[in-house]
């Protein structure tokens, strides 16, 4: 019998299908502007920040510095999440 066929051993944490995950759904911080800030942005006529553009900009800055300092790689982590 497969473990997937037995409900007793079915995962309860992060039980979404593996195919539903992508780089953006796996790389989100739980901290953020929140509903209050977002509603204030809407009231003020401001647009939400384009997170894809921000991530791409930050990634390119890191890549440029790696090239500048002749580094083959870098280890990045969130010290709050350790």
N, C-alpha and C. Protein backbone atom coordinates (compact mmCIF):
# COMPACT_ATOMS: atom_id res chain seq x y z
N UNK A 1 0.84 -1.18 0.00
CA UNK A 1 0.00 0.00 0.00
C UNK A 1 0.89 1.24 0.00
N UNK A 2 0.57 2.21 -0.82
CA UNK A 2 1.31 3.45 -0.90
C UNK A 2 0.94 4.35 0.27
N UNK A 3 1.90 5.16 0.71
CA UNK A 3 1.61 6.11 1.80
C UNK A 3 0.57 7.13 1.38
N UNK A 4 0.52 7.45 0.09
CA UNK A 4 -0.45 8.43 -0.41
C UNK A 4 -1.87 7.90 -0.36
N UNK A 5 -2.04 6.59 -0.34
CA UNK A 5 -3.38 6.01 -0.33
C UNK A 5 -3.97 5.96 1.07
N UNK A 6 -3.15 6.07 2.09
CA UNK A 6 -3.60 5.96 3.46
C UNK A 6 -3.74 7.36 4.06
N UNK A 7 -4.94 7.75 4.45
CA UNK A 7 -5.20 9.09 4.99
C UNK A 7 -4.40 9.37 6.26
N UNK A 8 -4.07 8.33 7.00
CA UNK A 8 -3.33 8.51 8.25
C UNK A 8 -1.98 9.17 8.00
N UNK A 9 -1.37 8.89 6.85
CA UNK A 9 -0.05 9.41 6.56
C UNK A 9 -0.07 10.56 5.56
N UNK A 10 -1.23 11.10 5.29
CA UNK A 10 -1.32 12.22 4.36
C UNK A 10 -0.84 13.49 5.05
N UNK A 11 -0.03 14.26 4.37
CA UNK A 11 0.52 15.47 4.97
C UNK A 11 -0.58 16.46 5.32
N UNK A 12 -0.43 17.10 6.44
CA UNK A 12 -1.40 18.10 6.91
C UNK A 12 -0.85 19.52 6.75
N UNK A 13 0.47 19.64 6.73
CA UNK A 13 1.13 20.93 6.62
C UNK A 13 1.56 21.12 5.17
N UNK A 14 1.25 22.28 4.60
CA UNK A 14 1.60 22.58 3.21
C UNK A 14 1.13 21.47 2.29
N UNK A 15 -0.14 21.14 2.40
CA UNK A 15 -0.67 19.99 1.67
C UNK A 15 -1.06 20.30 0.23
N UNK A 16 -0.76 21.49 -0.27
CA UNK A 16 -1.07 21.78 -1.66
C UNK A 16 -0.22 20.91 -2.56
N UNK A 17 -0.70 20.71 -3.74
CA UNK A 17 0.02 19.87 -4.70
C UNK A 17 1.34 20.53 -5.06
N UNK A 18 2.37 19.73 -5.26
CA UNK A 18 3.69 20.27 -5.58
C UNK A 18 3.67 21.06 -6.87
N UNK A 19 2.80 20.71 -7.80
CA UNK A 19 2.71 21.42 -9.06
C UNK A 19 2.15 22.82 -8.94
N UNK A 20 1.51 23.13 -7.80
CA UNK A 20 0.93 24.45 -7.59
C UNK A 20 1.98 25.48 -7.18
N UNK A 21 3.17 25.03 -6.82
CA UNK A 21 4.19 25.93 -6.32
C UNK A 21 5.02 26.48 -7.48
N UNK A 22 5.39 27.73 -7.36
CA UNK A 22 6.32 28.32 -8.29
C UNK A 22 7.29 29.19 -7.50
N UNK A 23 8.25 29.77 -8.17
CA UNK A 23 9.28 30.53 -7.48
C UNK A 23 8.68 31.70 -6.68
N UNK A 24 7.60 32.28 -7.17
CA UNK A 24 7.03 33.43 -6.48
C UNK A 24 6.20 33.01 -5.27
N UNK A 25 5.50 31.90 -5.35
CA UNK A 25 4.71 31.47 -4.19
C UNK A 25 5.60 30.94 -3.08
N UNK A 26 6.80 30.49 -3.41
CA UNK A 26 7.71 29.97 -2.40
C UNK A 26 8.59 31.06 -1.80
N UNK A 27 8.64 32.23 -2.41
CA UNK A 27 9.55 33.28 -1.99
C UNK A 27 8.79 34.52 -1.55
N UNK A 28 7.92 34.36 -0.59
CA UNK A 28 7.14 35.49 -0.09
C UNK A 28 7.36 35.61 1.40
N UNK A 29 7.55 36.81 1.86
CA UNK A 29 7.65 37.04 3.29
C UNK A 29 6.24 37.21 3.85
N UNK A 30 6.05 36.76 5.08
CA UNK A 30 4.74 36.92 5.70
C UNK A 30 4.52 38.36 6.12
N UNK A 31 5.60 39.09 6.32
CA UNK A 31 5.46 40.50 6.66
C UNK A 31 5.24 41.28 5.37
N UNK A 32 4.45 42.28 5.43
CA UNK A 32 4.18 43.08 4.25
C UNK A 32 3.36 44.28 4.62
N UNK A 33 2.90 45.02 3.63
CA UNK A 33 2.17 46.24 3.93
C UNK A 33 0.85 45.98 4.65
N UNK A 34 0.21 44.88 4.37
CA UNK A 34 -1.05 44.56 5.04
C UNK A 34 -2.26 45.21 4.39
N UNK A 35 -3.42 44.77 4.82
CA UNK A 35 -4.68 45.24 4.22
C UNK A 35 -4.91 46.72 4.47
N UNK A 36 -4.54 47.22 5.65
CA UNK A 36 -4.76 48.63 5.96
C UNK A 36 -3.95 49.52 5.01
N UNK A 37 -2.67 49.23 4.87
CA UNK A 37 -1.83 50.04 3.99
C UNK A 37 -2.31 49.95 2.55
N UNK A 38 -2.68 48.74 2.12
CA UNK A 38 -3.15 48.58 0.75
C UNK A 38 -4.43 49.35 0.50
N UNK A 39 -5.34 49.37 1.48
CA UNK A 39 -6.58 50.13 1.31
C UNK A 39 -6.29 51.63 1.29
N UNK A 40 -5.31 52.07 2.07
CA UNK A 40 -4.92 53.49 2.05
C UNK A 40 -4.30 53.86 0.71
N UNK A 41 -3.53 52.95 0.12
CA UNK A 41 -2.95 53.21 -1.20
C UNK A 41 -4.05 53.40 -2.22
N UNK A 42 -5.07 52.54 -2.16
CA UNK A 42 -6.18 52.63 -3.10
C UNK A 42 -6.91 53.96 -2.92
N UNK A 43 -7.18 54.34 -1.67
CA UNK A 43 -7.86 55.61 -1.40
C UNK A 43 -7.04 56.80 -1.90
N UNK A 44 -5.72 56.71 -1.80
CA UNK A 44 -4.84 57.80 -2.23
C UNK A 44 -4.57 57.76 -3.73
N UNK A 45 -5.09 56.74 -4.40
CA UNK A 45 -4.89 56.64 -5.84
C UNK A 45 -3.52 56.10 -6.23
N UNK A 46 -2.83 55.47 -5.29
CA UNK A 46 -1.51 54.91 -5.58
C UNK A 46 -1.65 53.48 -6.10
N UNK A 47 -0.73 53.09 -6.94
CA UNK A 47 -0.73 51.72 -7.44
C UNK A 47 0.15 50.86 -6.54
N UNK A 48 -0.16 49.58 -6.47
CA UNK A 48 0.65 48.65 -5.69
C UNK A 48 2.01 48.48 -6.36
N UNK A 49 3.05 48.28 -5.57
CA UNK A 49 4.37 48.08 -6.18
C UNK A 49 4.41 46.79 -6.99
N UNK A 50 5.16 46.82 -8.06
CA UNK A 50 5.34 45.64 -8.91
C UNK A 50 6.45 44.79 -8.30
N UNK A 51 6.07 43.77 -7.53
CA UNK A 51 7.04 42.96 -6.81
C UNK A 51 7.97 42.20 -7.75
N UNK A 52 7.49 41.82 -8.91
CA UNK A 52 8.34 41.12 -9.87
C UNK A 52 9.48 42.03 -10.32
N UNK A 53 9.16 43.28 -10.62
CA UNK A 53 10.19 44.24 -11.03
C UNK A 53 11.19 44.50 -9.91
N UNK A 54 10.68 44.61 -8.70
CA UNK A 54 11.56 44.86 -7.55
C UNK A 54 12.51 43.68 -7.34
N UNK A 55 11.98 42.47 -7.40
CA UNK A 55 12.83 41.28 -7.23
C UNK A 55 13.88 41.19 -8.33
N UNK A 56 13.47 41.45 -9.58
CA UNK A 56 14.42 41.39 -10.69
C UNK A 56 15.51 42.44 -10.53
N UNK A 57 15.15 43.64 -10.11
CA UNK A 57 16.11 44.72 -9.89
C UNK A 57 17.12 44.32 -8.81
N UNK A 58 16.62 43.79 -7.69
CA UNK A 58 17.50 43.39 -6.59
C UNK A 58 18.41 42.24 -7.00
N UNK A 59 17.88 41.27 -7.71
CA UNK A 59 18.68 40.14 -8.17
C UNK A 59 19.78 40.62 -9.11
N UNK A 60 19.46 41.54 -9.99
CA UNK A 60 20.47 42.05 -10.92
C UNK A 60 21.57 42.80 -10.18
N UNK A 61 21.21 43.54 -9.13
CA UNK A 61 22.23 44.23 -8.33
C UNK A 61 23.18 43.23 -7.70
N UNK A 62 22.65 42.14 -7.16
CA UNK A 62 23.50 41.11 -6.55
C UNK A 62 24.41 40.49 -7.61
N UNK A 63 23.85 40.17 -8.77
CA UNK A 63 24.66 39.58 -9.84
C UNK A 63 25.78 40.52 -10.28
N UNK A 64 25.46 41.81 -10.40
CA UNK A 64 26.48 42.79 -10.79
C UNK A 64 27.61 42.85 -9.77
N UNK A 65 27.28 42.80 -8.49
CA UNK A 65 28.31 42.84 -7.44
C UNK A 65 29.15 41.56 -7.45
N UNK A 66 28.53 40.42 -7.72
CA UNK A 66 29.28 39.17 -7.82
C UNK A 66 30.33 39.27 -8.92
N UNK A 67 29.93 39.83 -10.05
CA UNK A 67 30.86 40.00 -11.16
C UNK A 67 31.95 41.01 -10.79
N UNK A 68 31.54 42.11 -10.17
CA UNK A 68 32.49 43.16 -9.79
C UNK A 68 33.57 42.63 -8.85
N UNK A 69 33.19 41.80 -7.90
CA UNK A 69 34.14 41.27 -6.91
C UNK A 69 34.67 39.88 -7.27
N UNK A 70 34.38 39.43 -8.50
CA UNK A 70 34.87 38.15 -9.01
C UNK A 70 34.53 36.99 -8.07
N UNK A 71 33.28 36.93 -7.65
CA UNK A 71 32.81 35.85 -6.78
C UNK A 71 31.99 34.86 -7.62
N UNK A 72 32.22 33.58 -7.39
CA UNK A 72 31.49 32.55 -8.13
C UNK A 72 30.10 32.33 -7.56
N UNK A 73 29.90 32.67 -6.31
CA UNK A 73 28.59 32.45 -5.69
C UNK A 73 28.47 33.22 -4.40
N UNK A 74 27.30 33.14 -3.83
CA UNK A 74 27.02 33.86 -2.59
C UNK A 74 25.95 33.10 -1.82
N UNK A 75 26.05 33.15 -0.52
CA UNK A 75 25.05 32.52 0.34
C UNK A 75 24.22 33.62 0.98
N UNK A 76 22.94 33.66 0.65
CA UNK A 76 22.03 34.66 1.20
C UNK A 76 21.00 33.98 2.07
N UNK A 77 20.65 34.60 3.17
CA UNK A 77 19.63 34.03 4.06
C UNK A 77 18.96 35.15 4.82
N UNK A 78 17.85 34.83 5.40
CA UNK A 78 17.10 35.77 6.22
C UNK A 78 17.43 35.49 7.68
N UNK A 79 18.18 36.36 8.36
CA UNK A 79 18.57 36.08 9.74
C UNK A 79 17.39 35.99 10.70
N UNK A 80 16.28 36.57 10.35
CA UNK A 80 15.09 36.49 11.20
C UNK A 80 14.48 35.10 11.13
N UNK A 81 14.69 34.41 10.03
CA UNK A 81 14.07 33.10 9.81
C UNK A 81 14.91 31.93 10.30
N UNK A 82 16.03 32.20 10.91
CA UNK A 82 16.91 31.10 11.35
C UNK A 82 16.45 30.57 12.69
